[in-house]
Amino acid sequence: MKKARLATLWLDGCSGCHMSLLDIDEAIIAVVQRADIVYGPLVDAQEFPVDVDVAIVEGAVSSQDDLEKIKRVRERSRILVALGDCAITGNVPSMRNRFLVKTILERVYVEGADAQKGIPTDGVPTLLKQAIPLQDVVKVDLHVPGCPPSASAILFVLNELLDGRIPDLGTKVRFG
């Protein structure tokens, strides 16, 4: 039997959702018996692969780099899961949305700097005007709220998806 291809992606967020994923502890063994993890922080893949069965994405879309990544992930994935409140609502990354990008960058890199004052440009992704949730850019197949979602909720979602079902999250998750 062919194993499912599973990928994870971390956009603009704190990585709490990936930490919660790791909190499934030894249950990860059962997951990797059913799925190959083909991309994510635990895998040494430099390019998001094609033919991904399930892509789990945490974080908001905040930069041009994030925008390009999420579009590529959507094109190459059968099921895209928005994991956590940042991916679903923009949450903490979107707190910057009431300010102009230029104002934020000047405050941090010019006014707030003690040395080498100046807004960096080399190797730094261009920020979008606003941090936005995934569904504002691409089709999302499943939203898993929480800040972060519990390990048990993530494991439930993984098992359901690997069994070929879209999970009913009614009693499993909540925002915040």
N, C-alpha and C. Protein backbone atom coordinates (compact mmCIF):
# COMPACT_ATOMS: atom_id res chain seq x y z
N MET A 1 0.84 -1.19 0.00
CA MET A 1 0.00 0.00 0.00
C MET A 1 0.88 1.24 0.00
N LYS A 2 0.56 2.19 -0.88
CA LYS A 2 1.32 3.42 -1.00
C LYS A 2 1.05 4.32 0.21
N LYS A 3 2.13 4.86 0.77
CA LYS A 3 1.99 5.77 1.90
C LYS A 3 1.60 7.16 1.41
N ALA A 4 0.82 7.84 2.22
CA ALA A 4 0.45 9.22 1.93
C ALA A 4 1.68 10.10 2.04
N ARG A 5 1.65 11.21 1.31
CA ARG A 5 2.75 12.20 1.36
C ARG A 5 2.26 13.40 2.16
N LEU A 6 2.92 13.65 3.27
CA LEU A 6 2.53 14.69 4.23
C LEU A 6 3.60 15.77 4.26
N ALA A 7 3.17 17.04 4.26
CA ALA A 7 4.11 18.16 4.35
C ALA A 7 3.58 19.16 5.36
N THR A 8 4.51 19.87 6.00
CA THR A 8 4.12 20.97 6.87
C THR A 8 4.88 22.21 6.45
N LEU A 9 4.29 23.37 6.71
CA LEU A 9 4.90 24.64 6.34
C LEU A 9 4.63 25.64 7.46
N TRP A 10 5.63 26.43 7.76
CA TRP A 10 5.53 27.46 8.79
C TRP A 10 5.71 28.81 8.13
N LEU A 11 4.64 29.61 8.11
CA LEU A 11 4.71 30.96 7.56
C LEU A 11 4.92 31.93 8.72
N ASP A 12 4.21 33.06 8.76
CA ASP A 12 4.41 34.05 9.81
C ASP A 12 3.62 33.68 11.05
N GLY A 13 4.31 33.20 12.04
CA GLY A 13 3.73 32.80 13.31
C GLY A 13 4.85 32.42 14.26
N CYS A 14 4.49 31.89 15.38
CA CYS A 14 5.47 31.62 16.44
C CYS A 14 6.02 30.21 16.44
N SER A 15 5.55 29.34 15.60
CA SER A 15 5.88 27.91 15.51
C SER A 15 5.19 27.09 16.59
N GLY A 16 4.27 27.70 17.31
CA GLY A 16 3.55 26.97 18.35
C GLY A 16 2.75 25.80 17.82
N CYS A 17 2.23 25.93 16.60
CA CYS A 17 1.46 24.84 16.01
C CYS A 17 2.37 23.65 15.69
N HIS A 18 3.59 23.94 15.20
CA HIS A 18 4.54 22.85 14.97
C HIS A 18 4.98 22.22 16.28
N MET A 19 5.11 23.03 17.33
CA MET A 19 5.46 22.48 18.64
C MET A 19 4.33 21.57 19.14
N SER A 20 3.10 21.98 18.91
CA SER A 20 1.96 21.16 19.30
C SER A 20 1.92 19.86 18.49
N LEU A 21 2.29 19.94 17.21
CA LEU A 21 2.41 18.73 16.39
C LEU A 21 3.44 17.78 17.00
N LEU A 22 4.57 18.31 17.42
CA LEU A 22 5.58 17.47 18.05
C LEU A 22 5.10 16.88 19.37
N ASP A 23 4.15 17.55 20.01
CA ASP A 23 3.61 17.06 21.28
C ASP A 23 2.73 15.82 21.14
N ILE A 24 2.54 15.33 19.91
CA ILE A 24 1.83 14.06 19.78
C ILE A 24 2.74 12.91 20.22
N ASP A 25 4.01 13.26 20.51
CA ASP A 25 4.99 12.35 21.10
C ASP A 25 5.14 11.07 20.30
N GLU A 26 5.02 9.92 20.97
CA GLU A 26 5.29 8.65 20.31
C GLU A 26 4.25 8.30 19.24
N ALA A 27 3.13 9.00 19.22
CA ALA A 27 2.12 8.77 18.18
C ALA A 27 2.66 9.15 16.80
N ILE A 28 3.74 9.93 16.77
CA ILE A 28 4.35 10.28 15.48
C ILE A 28 4.83 9.02 14.76
N ILE A 29 5.18 8.00 15.52
CA ILE A 29 5.62 6.73 14.92
C ILE A 29 4.50 6.12 14.10
N ALA A 30 3.30 6.11 14.64
CA ALA A 30 2.15 5.58 13.90
C ALA A 30 1.86 6.42 12.65
N VAL A 31 2.06 7.73 12.78
CA VAL A 31 1.82 8.62 11.63
C VAL A 31 2.82 8.30 10.52
N VAL A 32 4.11 8.18 10.86
CA VAL A 32 5.12 7.95 9.81
C VAL A 32 5.06 6.52 9.27
N GLN A 33 4.37 5.64 9.94
CA GLN A 33 4.13 4.32 9.36
C GLN A 33 3.09 4.40 8.25
N ARG A 34 2.26 5.44 8.30
CA ARG A 34 1.19 5.62 7.32
C ARG A 34 1.48 6.70 6.29
N ALA A 35 2.43 7.59 6.61
CA ALA A 35 2.70 8.74 5.73
C ALA A 35 4.19 9.05 5.73
N ASP A 36 4.68 9.43 4.56
CA ASP A 36 6.04 9.95 4.45
C ASP A 36 5.97 11.46 4.65
N ILE A 37 6.77 11.97 5.57
CA ILE A 37 6.85 13.41 5.77
C ILE A 37 7.86 13.93 4.75
N VAL A 38 7.37 14.62 3.74
CA VAL A 38 8.21 14.99 2.59
C VAL A 38 8.69 16.43 2.62
N TYR A 39 8.17 17.24 3.55
CA TYR A 39 8.60 18.63 3.65
C TYR A 39 8.22 19.17 5.02
N GLY A 40 9.06 20.01 5.57
CA GLY A 40 8.79 20.67 6.84
C GLY A 40 10.07 20.87 7.63
N PRO A 41 9.96 21.46 8.82
CA PRO A 41 11.13 21.73 9.63
C PRO A 41 11.92 20.48 10.05
N LEU A 42 11.27 19.33 10.02
CA LEU A 42 11.95 18.09 10.42
C LEU A 42 12.56 17.35 9.25
N VAL A 43 12.43 17.90 8.04
CA VAL A 43 12.88 17.23 6.83
C VAL A 43 13.87 18.14 6.09
N ASP A 44 14.90 17.55 5.53
CA ASP A 44 15.92 18.33 4.83
C ASP A 44 15.58 18.48 3.34
N ALA A 45 14.38 18.96 3.06
CA ALA A 45 13.97 19.22 1.67
C ALA A 45 14.01 20.73 1.45
N GLN A 46 14.63 21.15 0.38
CA GLN A 46 14.78 22.58 0.11
C GLN A 46 13.64 23.15 -0.72
N GLU A 47 12.97 22.32 -1.48
CA GLU A 47 11.89 22.77 -2.36
C GLU A 47 10.63 21.98 -2.01
N PHE A 48 9.49 22.68 -1.98
CA PHE A 48 8.23 22.00 -1.69
C PHE A 48 7.94 21.02 -2.82
N PRO A 49 7.73 19.74 -2.50
CA PRO A 49 7.58 18.73 -3.55
C PRO A 49 6.21 18.77 -4.24
N VAL A 50 6.12 18.06 -5.34
CA VAL A 50 4.84 17.90 -6.04
C VAL A 50 4.13 16.68 -5.48
N ASP A 51 2.86 16.56 -5.77
CA ASP A 51 2.05 15.40 -5.38
C ASP A 51 2.00 15.16 -3.88
N VAL A 52 1.78 16.22 -3.11
CA VAL A 52 1.61 16.11 -1.67
C VAL A 52 0.14 15.80 -1.40
N ASP A 53 -0.11 14.81 -0.58
CA ASP A 53 -1.49 14.46 -0.25
C ASP A 53 -2.10 15.43 0.75
N VAL A 54 -1.35 15.73 1.82
CA VAL A 54 -1.84 16.62 2.87
C VAL A 54 -0.74 17.63 3.20
N ALA A 55 -1.07 18.91 3.08
CA ALA A 55 -0.17 19.99 3.49
C ALA A 55 -0.79 20.69 4.68
N ILE A 56 -0.03 20.76 5.76
CA ILE A 56 -0.49 21.42 6.98
C ILE A 56 0.31 22.71 7.11
N VAL A 57 -0.41 23.84 7.13
CA VAL A 57 0.26 25.14 7.09
C VAL A 57 -0.12 25.96 8.32
N GLU A 58 0.90 26.42 9.02
CA GLU A 58 0.68 27.32 10.16
C GLU A 58 1.17 28.72 9.80
N GLY A 59 0.55 29.72 10.38
CA GLY A 59 1.00 31.09 10.20
C GLY A 59 0.21 31.86 9.16
N ALA A 60 0.31 33.18 9.27
CA ALA A 60 -0.35 34.08 8.34
C ALA A 60 0.55 34.33 7.13
N VAL A 61 -0.03 34.87 6.09
CA VAL A 61 0.71 35.28 4.89
C VAL A 61 1.06 36.75 5.09
N SER A 62 2.35 37.02 5.33
CA SER A 62 2.78 38.37 5.69
C SER A 62 3.78 39.00 4.73
N SER A 63 4.41 38.18 3.91
CA SER A 63 5.45 38.70 3.02
C SER A 63 5.23 38.18 1.60
N GLN A 64 5.95 38.78 0.68
CA GLN A 64 5.90 38.31 -0.71
C GLN A 64 6.37 36.86 -0.77
N ASP A 65 7.36 36.51 0.03
CA ASP A 65 7.87 35.14 0.10
C ASP A 65 6.78 34.18 0.57
N ASP A 66 6.04 34.56 1.63
CA ASP A 66 4.93 33.74 2.12
C ASP A 66 3.88 33.54 1.03
N LEU A 67 3.58 34.61 0.31
CA LEU A 67 2.57 34.57 -0.74
C LEU A 67 2.96 33.57 -1.83
N GLU A 68 4.20 33.63 -2.26
CA GLU A 68 4.68 32.70 -3.29
C GLU A 68 4.68 31.26 -2.77
N LYS A 69 5.10 31.08 -1.51
CA LYS A 69 5.13 29.73 -0.93
C LYS A 69 3.73 29.11 -0.86
N ILE A 70 2.76 29.88 -0.33
CA ILE A 70 1.44 29.29 -0.14
C ILE A 70 0.78 28.98 -1.48
N LYS A 71 1.03 29.78 -2.48
CA LYS A 71 0.49 29.47 -3.81
C LYS A 71 1.11 28.20 -4.37
N ARG A 72 2.41 28.02 -4.17
CA ARG A 72 3.10 26.81 -4.62
C ARG A 72 2.57 25.58 -3.86
N VAL A 73 2.39 25.73 -2.55
CA VAL A 73 1.88 24.63 -1.74
C VAL A 73 0.49 24.23 -2.21
N ARG A 74 -0.36 25.20 -2.47
CA ARG A 74 -1.73 24.90 -2.93
C ARG A 74 -1.71 24.17 -4.26
N GLU A 75 -0.87 24.61 -5.17
CA GLU A 75 -0.78 23.97 -6.49
C GLU A 75 -0.31 22.52 -6.40
N ARG A 76 0.50 22.22 -5.41
CA ARG A 76 1.14 20.91 -5.33
C ARG A 76 0.52 19.98 -4.29
N SER A 77 -0.58 20.40 -3.66
CA SER A 77 -1.18 19.61 -2.58
C SER A 77 -2.63 19.29 -2.87
N ARG A 78 -3.01 18.09 -2.51
CA ARG A 78 -4.40 17.66 -2.68
C ARG A 78 -5.29 18.27 -1.60
N ILE A 79 -4.85 18.21 -0.34
CA ILE A 79 -5.60 18.78 0.78
C ILE A 79 -4.70 19.77 1.48
N LEU A 80 -5.22 21.00 1.69
CA LEU A 80 -4.48 22.02 2.42
C LEU A 80 -5.21 22.32 3.72
N VAL A 81 -4.48 22.19 4.83
CA VAL A 81 -5.02 22.41 6.16
C VAL A 81 -4.44 23.70 6.72
N ALA A 82 -5.31 24.63 7.13
CA ALA A 82 -4.89 25.83 7.85
C ALA A 82 -4.85 25.46 9.33
N LEU A 83 -3.64 25.41 9.89
CA LEU A 83 -3.46 24.96 11.26
C LEU A 83 -3.22 26.16 12.18
N GLY A 84 -4.15 26.38 13.07
CA GLY A 84 -4.00 27.42 14.08
C GLY A 84 -4.64 28.74 13.69
N ASP A 85 -4.80 29.58 14.70
CA ASP A 85 -5.51 30.84 14.53
C ASP A 85 -4.80 31.82 13.59
N CYS A 86 -3.47 31.82 13.55
CA CYS A 86 -2.76 32.73 12.64
C CYS A 86 -3.08 32.38 11.19
N ALA A 87 -3.11 31.10 10.87
CA ALA A 87 -3.42 30.67 9.51
C ALA A 87 -4.88 30.95 9.15
N ILE A 88 -5.74 30.92 10.15
CA ILE A 88 -7.19 31.05 9.90
C ILE A 88 -7.66 32.50 9.93
N THR A 89 -7.13 33.30 10.86
CA THR A 89 -7.62 34.68 11.02
C THR A 89 -6.54 35.75 10.85
N GLY A 90 -5.29 35.36 10.81
CA GLY A 90 -4.19 36.32 10.81
C GLY A 90 -3.67 36.54 12.22
N ASN A 91 -4.51 36.41 13.22
CA ASN A 91 -4.20 36.45 14.64
C ASN A 91 -3.09 37.45 14.97
N VAL A 92 -2.07 37.04 15.70
CA VAL A 92 -1.02 37.95 16.17
C VAL A 92 -0.27 38.64 15.02
N PRO A 93 0.13 37.94 13.95
CA PRO A 93 0.82 38.66 12.87
C PRO A 93 0.00 39.82 12.29
N SER A 94 -1.32 39.70 12.33
CA SER A 94 -2.16 40.76 11.75
C SER A 94 -2.31 41.97 12.68
N MET A 95 -1.73 41.91 13.86
CA MET A 95 -1.77 43.08 14.75
C MET A 95 -1.04 44.27 14.13
N ARG A 96 -0.16 44.00 13.19
CA ARG A 96 0.57 45.08 12.52
C ARG A 96 -0.28 45.78 11.45
N ASN A 97 -1.43 45.23 11.12
CA ASN A 97 -2.22 45.70 9.98
C ASN A 97 -2.71 47.14 10.11
N ARG A 98 -2.78 47.68 11.28
CA ARG A 98 -3.27 49.06 11.42
C ARG A 98 -2.17 50.09 11.20
N PHE A 99 -0.94 49.60 10.98
CA PHE A 99 0.20 50.50 10.74
C PHE A 99 0.71 50.33 9.31
N LEU A 100 1.30 51.36 8.76
CA LEU A 100 1.95 51.26 7.46
C LEU A 100 3.24 50.45 7.62
N VAL A 101 3.55 49.64 6.63
CA VAL A 101 4.77 48.83 6.66
C VAL A 101 6.00 49.73 6.86
N LYS A 102 6.05 50.82 6.13
CA LYS A 102 7.20 51.74 6.24
C LYS A 102 7.36 52.24 7.67
N THR A 103 6.27 52.55 8.34
CA THR A 103 6.31 53.03 9.73
C THR A 103 6.87 51.95 10.66
N ILE A 104 6.44 50.73 10.46
CA ILE A 104 6.91 49.62 11.30
C ILE A 104 8.41 49.42 11.10
N LEU A 105 8.85 49.36 9.86
CA LEU A 105 10.26 49.12 9.58
C LEU A 105 11.14 50.25 10.11
N GLU A 106 10.71 51.50 9.97
CA GLU A 106 11.49 52.63 10.50
C GLU A 106 11.56 52.59 12.02
N ARG A 107 10.45 52.24 12.64
CA ARG A 107 10.42 52.17 14.11
C ARG A 107 11.40 51.12 14.63
N VAL A 108 11.42 49.96 13.98
CA VAL A 108 12.27 48.86 14.44
C VAL A 108 13.73 49.06 14.05
N TYR A 109 13.98 49.33 12.78
CA TYR A 109 15.35 49.31 12.26
C TYR A 109 16.07 50.65 12.26
N VAL A 110 15.34 51.74 12.49
CA VAL A 110 15.99 53.05 12.54
C VAL A 110 15.87 53.63 13.95
N GLU A 111 14.64 53.88 14.38
CA GLU A 111 14.43 54.48 15.71
C GLU A 111 14.86 53.54 16.83
N GLY A 112 14.61 52.25 16.67
CA GLY A 112 14.90 51.28 17.74
C GLY A 112 16.29 50.69 17.70
N ALA A 113 17.09 51.03 16.72
CA ALA A 113 18.42 50.43 16.58
C ALA A 113 19.47 51.25 17.33
N ASP A 114 20.40 50.55 17.97
CA ASP A 114 21.52 51.20 18.62
C ASP A 114 22.73 51.29 17.69
N ALA A 115 22.80 50.38 16.74
CA ALA A 115 23.92 50.35 15.79
C ALA A 115 23.39 49.97 14.42
N GLN A 116 24.09 50.31 13.38
CA GLN A 116 23.73 49.98 12.00
C GLN A 116 22.28 50.31 11.68
N LYS A 117 21.91 51.54 11.96
CA LYS A 117 20.54 51.98 11.68
C LYS A 117 20.29 51.94 10.18
N GLY A 118 19.16 51.40 9.81
CA GLY A 118 18.78 51.33 8.41
C GLY A 118 17.93 50.10 8.15
N ILE A 119 16.99 50.23 7.28
CA ILE A 119 16.07 49.13 6.96
C ILE A 119 16.80 48.14 6.06
N PRO A 120 16.93 46.88 6.48
CA PRO A 120 17.64 45.90 5.66
C PRO A 120 16.85 45.54 4.40
N THR A 121 17.59 45.26 3.33
CA THR A 121 16.94 44.86 2.09
C THR A 121 17.50 43.55 1.54
N ASP A 122 18.78 43.29 1.75
CA ASP A 122 19.40 42.06 1.22
C ASP A 122 18.89 40.83 1.94
N GLY A 123 18.28 39.93 1.20
CA GLY A 123 17.83 38.66 1.75
C GLY A 123 16.62 38.75 2.66
N VAL A 124 15.97 39.90 2.71
CA VAL A 124 14.80 40.08 3.56
C VAL A 124 13.56 40.14 2.67
N PRO A 125 12.59 39.25 2.89
CA PRO A 125 11.38 39.27 2.06
C PRO A 125 10.61 40.59 2.22
N THR A 126 10.04 41.05 1.15
CA THR A 126 9.22 42.25 1.17
C THR A 126 7.92 41.97 1.90
N LEU A 127 7.60 42.81 2.88
CA LEU A 127 6.35 42.64 3.62
C LEU A 127 5.17 43.06 2.76
N LEU A 128 4.07 42.33 2.88
CA LEU A 128 2.81 42.74 2.26
C LEU A 128 2.24 43.89 3.08
N LYS A 129 1.30 44.63 2.52
CA LYS A 129 0.68 45.74 3.25
C LYS A 129 0.00 45.25 4.52
N GLN A 130 -0.53 44.02 4.46
CA GLN A 130 -1.19 43.45 5.63
C GLN A 130 -0.87 41.97 5.73
N ALA A 131 -0.87 41.48 6.97
CA ALA A 131 -0.77 40.03 7.21
C ALA A 131 -2.19 39.47 7.07
N ILE A 132 -2.33 38.41 6.29
CA ILE A 132 -3.66 37.90 5.98
C ILE A 132 -3.74 36.39 6.21
N PRO A 133 -4.94 35.88 6.46
CA PRO A 133 -5.12 34.44 6.62
C PRO A 133 -4.98 33.72 5.28
N LEU A 134 -4.72 32.44 5.36
CA LEU A 134 -4.50 31.63 4.15
C LEU A 134 -5.65 31.71 3.17
N GLN A 135 -6.89 31.62 3.67
CA GLN A 135 -8.04 31.55 2.76
C GLN A 135 -8.26 32.84 1.98
N ASP A 136 -7.56 33.92 2.34
CA ASP A 136 -7.63 35.14 1.55
C ASP A 136 -6.79 35.03 0.28
N VAL A 137 -5.96 33.99 0.19
CA VAL A 137 -5.04 33.83 -0.93
C VAL A 137 -5.30 32.54 -1.72
N VAL A 138 -5.58 31.45 -1.01
CA VAL A 138 -5.75 30.14 -1.64
C VAL A 138 -6.96 29.42 -1.04
N LYS A 139 -7.40 28.39 -1.74
CA LYS A 139 -8.47 27.54 -1.22
C LYS A 139 -7.93 26.70 -0.07
N VAL A 140 -8.62 26.73 1.06
CA VAL A 140 -8.26 25.93 2.22
C VAL A 140 -9.33 24.85 2.38
N ASP A 141 -8.89 23.61 2.56
CA ASP A 141 -9.82 22.49 2.67
C ASP A 141 -10.29 22.22 4.09
N LEU A 142 -9.46 22.59 5.07
CA LEU A 142 -9.80 22.32 6.46
C LEU A 142 -9.16 23.38 7.34
N HIS A 143 -9.95 23.92 8.27
CA HIS A 143 -9.46 24.90 9.24
C HIS A 143 -9.42 24.22 10.61
N VAL A 144 -8.24 24.27 11.26
CA VAL A 144 -8.07 23.68 12.59
C VAL A 144 -7.68 24.81 13.53
N PRO A 145 -8.67 25.40 14.23
CA PRO A 145 -8.38 26.54 15.09
C PRO A 145 -7.66 26.14 16.37
N GLY A 146 -7.14 27.16 17.03
CA GLY A 146 -6.45 27.00 18.30
C GLY A 146 -5.16 27.81 18.27
N CYS A 147 -4.72 28.18 19.44
CA CYS A 147 -3.49 28.97 19.54
C CYS A 147 -2.62 28.40 20.66
N PRO A 148 -1.97 27.29 20.35
CA PRO A 148 -2.10 26.44 19.16
C PRO A 148 -3.18 25.38 19.38
N PRO A 149 -3.55 24.66 18.32
CA PRO A 149 -4.44 23.52 18.51
C PRO A 149 -3.74 22.49 19.41
N SER A 150 -4.50 21.75 20.15
CA SER A 150 -3.91 20.74 21.04
C SER A 150 -3.30 19.61 20.23
N ALA A 151 -2.35 18.95 20.83
CA ALA A 151 -1.73 17.79 20.19
C ALA A 151 -2.77 16.72 19.87
N SER A 152 -3.72 16.53 20.78
CA SER A 152 -4.74 15.51 20.53
C SER A 152 -5.63 15.88 19.34
N ALA A 153 -5.92 17.17 19.17
CA ALA A 153 -6.72 17.60 18.02
C ALA A 153 -5.92 17.40 16.73
N ILE A 154 -4.63 17.72 16.75
CA ILE A 154 -3.80 17.55 15.56
C ILE A 154 -3.69 16.07 15.20
N LEU A 155 -3.51 15.22 16.19
CA LEU A 155 -3.43 13.79 15.92
C LEU A 155 -4.75 13.28 15.36
N PHE A 156 -5.87 13.74 15.90
CA PHE A 156 -7.18 13.36 15.38
C PHE A 156 -7.31 13.75 13.91
N VAL A 157 -6.92 14.98 13.58
CA VAL A 157 -6.98 15.47 12.21
C VAL A 157 -6.11 14.61 11.30
N LEU A 158 -4.87 14.36 11.70
CA LEU A 158 -3.97 13.54 10.90
C LEU A 158 -4.54 12.15 10.65
N ASN A 159 -5.03 11.51 11.70
CA ASN A 159 -5.58 10.16 11.55
C ASN A 159 -6.80 10.14 10.64
N GLU A 160 -7.68 11.12 10.79
CA GLU A 160 -8.86 11.18 9.94
C GLU A 160 -8.46 11.38 8.48
N LEU A 161 -7.55 12.33 8.23
CA LEU A 161 -7.13 12.59 6.85
C LEU A 161 -6.42 11.38 6.26
N LEU A 162 -5.58 10.72 7.03
CA LEU A 162 -4.88 9.53 6.54
C LEU A 162 -5.83 8.36 6.31
N ASP A 163 -6.99 8.40 6.99
CA ASP A 163 -8.04 7.39 6.74
C ASP A 163 -8.94 7.79 5.57
N GLY A 164 -8.66 8.94 4.96
CA GLY A 164 -9.43 9.37 3.81
C GLY A 164 -10.68 10.15 4.15
N ARG A 165 -10.79 10.63 5.38
CA ARG A 165 -11.97 11.38 5.80
C ARG A 165 -11.60 12.82 6.14
N ILE A 166 -12.53 13.73 5.87
CA ILE A 166 -12.38 15.10 6.36
C ILE A 166 -12.95 15.09 7.78
N PRO A 167 -12.14 15.45 8.77
CA PRO A 167 -12.58 15.32 10.16
C PRO A 167 -13.70 16.29 10.54
N ASP A 168 -14.56 15.83 11.43
CA ASP A 168 -15.58 16.68 12.04
C ASP A 168 -14.96 17.21 13.34
N LEU A 169 -14.64 18.48 13.36
CA LEU A 169 -13.91 19.07 14.48
C LEU A 169 -14.82 19.67 15.55
N GLY A 170 -16.12 19.45 15.43
CA GLY A 170 -17.09 20.09 16.32
C GLY A 170 -16.72 20.13 17.78
N THR A 171 -16.28 19.05 18.37
CA THR A 171 -15.97 19.03 19.79
C THR A 171 -14.47 18.93 20.06
N LYS A 172 -13.67 18.98 19.03
CA LYS A 172 -12.23 18.74 19.18
C LYS A 172 -11.39 20.01 19.34
N VAL A 173 -11.84 21.13 18.78
CA VAL A 173 -11.01 22.34 18.77
C VAL A 173 -11.84 23.58 19.08
N ARG A 174 -11.11 24.66 19.38
CA ARG A 174 -11.75 25.96 19.58
C ARG A 174 -10.73 27.04 19.27
N PHE A 175 -11.19 28.25 18.98
CA PHE A 175 -10.28 29.36 18.77
C PHE A 175 -9.64 29.76 20.10
N GLY A 176 -8.42 30.26 20.02
CA GLY A 176 -7.74 30.78 21.21
C GLY A 176 -6.96 29.75 21.95
